[in-house]
Amino acid sequence: MLLIITTLFSCKGEEKREETMIVPSAQETADMNKLWIQEEQEFINQFVARKKWEMKSSQSGLKYLIYKKGTGEKAEPGMKAMVDFSITLLDGSEVYSTKESGPQPFHINQDNVEAGIHEGITYMNVGDRAKLILPPHLGHGLMGDQYKIPPLATLVFDIRLLGLSK
């Protein structure tokens, strides 16, 4: 969105301010979003290539790699998952971890956690360890989390599925 501010002066020297907003069309907005998503995916692909990770991609844009296979039950929506994780930014800085707090539970497709985690956990079995890369739209989006995760951040989860319950 573009905002143009014009300041006018009257003959008496009084200042009048006029604001005009030019809003892109729906098609222009869609095109800008597509371009941004393509650029973000290319940036993530370059990161994955540098790490030499052989990751799978989902239709949503989530990238995942199960690097240690467990032998337990497969995670499904509605189950309560117990996970251990660390979250880093692409520059490697850790933003959150369960090292201090201990494992965290959440209900798959029900609780308020990142959308990419709900999806990523459904590719896992109990005992699996995985790397998940969440582009901003599957993580904390435009605003970040207002604490440690900046706006438009791509997140890298190292996650372990410890257990499931119904």
Protein backbone atom coordinates (compact mmCIF):
# COMPACT_ATOMS: atom_id res chain seq x y z
CA MET A 1 0.00 0.00 0.00
CA LEU A 2 1.34 3.40 -0.96
CA LEU A 3 0.46 6.53 1.01
CA ILE A 4 0.94 9.94 -0.53
CA ILE A 5 0.75 12.99 1.74
CA THR A 6 0.29 16.41 0.24
CA THR A 7 0.59 19.60 2.26
CA LEU A 8 -1.19 22.66 0.90
CA PHE A 9 -1.01 26.22 2.17
CA SER A 10 -3.88 28.67 1.91
CA CYS A 11 -3.52 32.37 1.14
CA LYS A 12 -3.73 33.06 4.88
CA GLY A 13 -0.79 30.74 5.51
CA GLU A 14 -2.95 28.04 7.05
CA GLU A 15 -1.70 24.55 6.46
CA LYS A 16 -4.09 21.98 5.02
CA ARG A 17 -3.05 18.40 4.80
CA GLU A 18 -4.51 16.00 2.30
CA GLU A 19 -3.83 12.27 2.28
CA THR A 20 -4.35 10.08 -0.74
CA MET A 21 -4.00 6.34 -0.55
CA ILE A 22 -3.28 4.28 -3.61
CA VAL A 23 -4.13 0.63 -3.04
CA PRO A 24 -2.91 -2.02 -5.48
CA SER A 25 -5.53 -4.08 -7.25
CA ALA A 26 -6.34 -7.59 -6.06
CA GLN A 27 -4.37 -8.99 -9.01
CA GLU A 28 -1.34 -6.79 -8.26
CA THR A 29 -1.45 -7.90 -4.62
CA ALA A 30 -1.72 -11.56 -5.62
CA ASP A 31 1.20 -11.16 -8.04
CA MET A 32 3.35 -9.47 -5.36
CA ASN A 33 2.54 -12.24 -2.87
CA LYS A 34 3.39 -14.97 -5.39
CA LEU A 35 6.71 -13.32 -6.15
CA TRP A 36 7.51 -12.94 -2.45
CA ILE A 37 6.67 -16.61 -1.77
CA GLN A 38 8.84 -17.72 -4.72
CA GLU A 39 11.76 -15.64 -3.45
CA GLU A 40 11.32 -17.00 0.08
CA GLN A 41 11.22 -20.60 -1.21
CA GLU A 42 14.39 -20.02 -3.23
CA PHE A 43 16.11 -18.60 -0.15
CA ILE A 44 15.03 -21.66 1.87
CA ASN A 45 16.15 -24.01 -0.94
CA GLN A 46 19.60 -22.39 -0.91
CA PHE A 47 19.78 -22.85 2.88
CA VAL A 48 18.84 -26.54 2.56
CA ALA A 49 21.42 -27.03 -0.20
CA ARG A 50 24.17 -25.47 1.95
CA LYS A 51 23.25 -27.84 4.79
CA LYS A 52 23.13 -30.79 2.34
CA TRP A 53 19.80 -31.89 3.80
CA GLU A 54 17.63 -34.06 1.57
CA MET A 55 14.26 -32.67 2.57
CA LYS A 56 10.78 -33.34 1.32
CA SER A 57 8.39 -30.50 0.56
CA SER A 58 4.68 -30.37 1.21
CA GLN A 59 2.15 -28.41 -0.82
CA SER A 60 1.93 -25.82 1.95
CA GLY A 61 5.64 -24.98 1.65
CA LEU A 62 6.79 -26.95 4.71
CA LYS A 63 10.12 -28.73 4.28
CA TYR A 64 10.84 -31.76 6.44
CA LEU A 65 13.49 -34.38 6.99
CA ILE A 66 13.06 -37.30 9.35
CA TYR A 67 16.68 -38.04 10.19
CA LYS A 68 16.14 -40.59 12.95
CA LYS A 69 13.36 -43.13 12.65
CA GLY A 70 11.36 -44.22 15.64
CA THR A 71 9.30 -47.36 15.93
CA GLY A 72 6.20 -45.99 17.61
CA GLU A 73 2.70 -45.04 16.59
CA LYS A 74 2.06 -42.55 13.78
CA ALA A 75 0.84 -39.10 14.78
CA GLU A 76 -2.66 -38.14 13.64
CA PRO A 77 -4.88 -35.06 13.98
CA GLY A 78 -6.69 -34.94 17.32
CA MET A 79 -3.99 -36.82 19.23
CA LYS A 80 -2.03 -35.18 22.02
CA ALA A 81 1.65 -35.09 21.08
CA MET A 82 4.53 -34.71 23.54
CA VAL A 83 7.55 -33.11 21.88
CA ASP A 84 11.06 -31.94 22.60
CA PHE A 85 12.35 -29.21 20.29
CA SER A 86 14.67 -26.35 19.57
CA ILE A 87 13.80 -23.51 17.23
CA THR A 88 16.45 -21.56 15.36
CA LEU A 89 16.40 -18.86 12.73
CA LEU A 90 18.18 -19.45 9.42
CA ASP A 91 21.25 -17.67 10.78
CA GLY A 92 21.53 -20.42 13.42
CA SER A 93 20.51 -18.34 16.44
CA GLU A 94 18.33 -20.32 18.83
CA VAL A 95 15.10 -18.56 19.80
CA TYR A 96 13.31 -21.23 21.84
CA SER A 97 14.03 -24.67 23.25
CA THR A 98 12.53 -27.20 25.61
CA LYS A 99 15.95 -27.72 27.28
CA GLU A 100 14.90 -25.69 30.32
CA SER A 101 11.12 -26.14 30.29
CA GLY A 102 11.05 -29.83 29.45
CA PRO A 103 8.91 -31.57 26.81
CA GLN A 104 5.79 -29.74 25.66
CA PRO A 105 2.37 -31.24 24.87
CA PHE A 106 -0.10 -30.03 22.24
CA HIS A 107 -3.19 -31.36 20.50
CA ILE A 108 -2.53 -31.88 16.79
CA ASN A 109 -4.70 -29.55 14.66
CA GLN A 110 -6.35 -28.10 17.77
CA ASP A 111 -3.91 -26.13 19.95
CA ASN A 112 -2.40 -22.75 19.26
CA VAL A 113 1.03 -23.69 17.90
CA GLU A 114 2.57 -22.89 14.54
CA ALA A 115 0.57 -24.28 11.60
CA GLY A 116 3.73 -25.91 10.25
CA ILE A 117 4.13 -27.91 13.46
CA HIS A 118 0.61 -29.29 13.20
CA GLU A 119 1.40 -30.44 9.67
CA GLY A 120 4.97 -31.60 10.29
CA ILE A 121 4.14 -33.76 13.29
CA THR A 122 1.67 -35.79 11.17
CA TYR A 123 4.63 -37.04 9.10
CA MET A 124 6.23 -38.48 12.24
CA ASN A 125 6.03 -41.60 14.39
CA VAL A 126 6.84 -41.76 18.09
CA GLY A 127 10.61 -41.78 18.46
CA ASP A 128 11.26 -39.89 15.21
CA ARG A 129 13.57 -36.89 15.13
CA ALA A 130 13.04 -34.41 12.34
CA LYS A 131 14.10 -31.09 10.93
CA LEU A 132 11.18 -28.91 9.89
CA ILE A 133 11.57 -25.64 8.03
CA LEU A 134 8.58 -23.36 8.40
CA PRO A 135 8.34 -20.42 6.02
CA PRO A 136 6.80 -17.34 7.67
CA HIS A 137 3.21 -18.15 6.63
CA LEU A 138 3.46 -21.48 8.54
CA GLY A 139 5.25 -19.94 11.53
CA HIS A 140 4.70 -16.52 13.07
CA GLY A 141 3.98 -14.60 9.86
CA LEU A 142 4.20 -10.87 9.30
CA MET A 143 4.47 -9.91 12.96
CA GLY A 144 6.79 -12.51 14.46
CA ASP A 145 5.97 -13.38 18.05
CA GLN A 146 6.73 -9.91 19.48
CA TYR A 147 9.54 -11.41 21.62
CA LYS A 148 12.29 -13.50 20.07
CA ILE A 149 11.01 -14.32 16.59
CA PRO A 150 11.29 -11.37 14.20
CA PRO A 151 8.70 -10.48 11.55
CA LEU A 152 8.71 -12.68 8.43
CA ALA A 153 11.11 -15.19 10.02
CA THR A 154 11.68 -18.63 8.57
CA LEU A 155 11.99 -21.11 11.43
CA VAL A 156 14.02 -24.30 11.67
CA PHE A 157 12.69 -26.83 14.18
CA ASP A 158 14.70 -29.77 15.41
CA ILE A 159 11.89 -31.81 16.89
CA ARG A 160 11.52 -35.20 18.56
CA LEU A 161 8.15 -36.90 18.99
CA LEU A 162 8.30 -38.44 22.45
CA GLY A 163 4.78 -39.78 22.79
CA LEU A 164 1.14 -39.70 21.72
CA SER A 165 -2.15 -40.10 23.52
CA LYS A 166 -5.74 -39.99 22.38
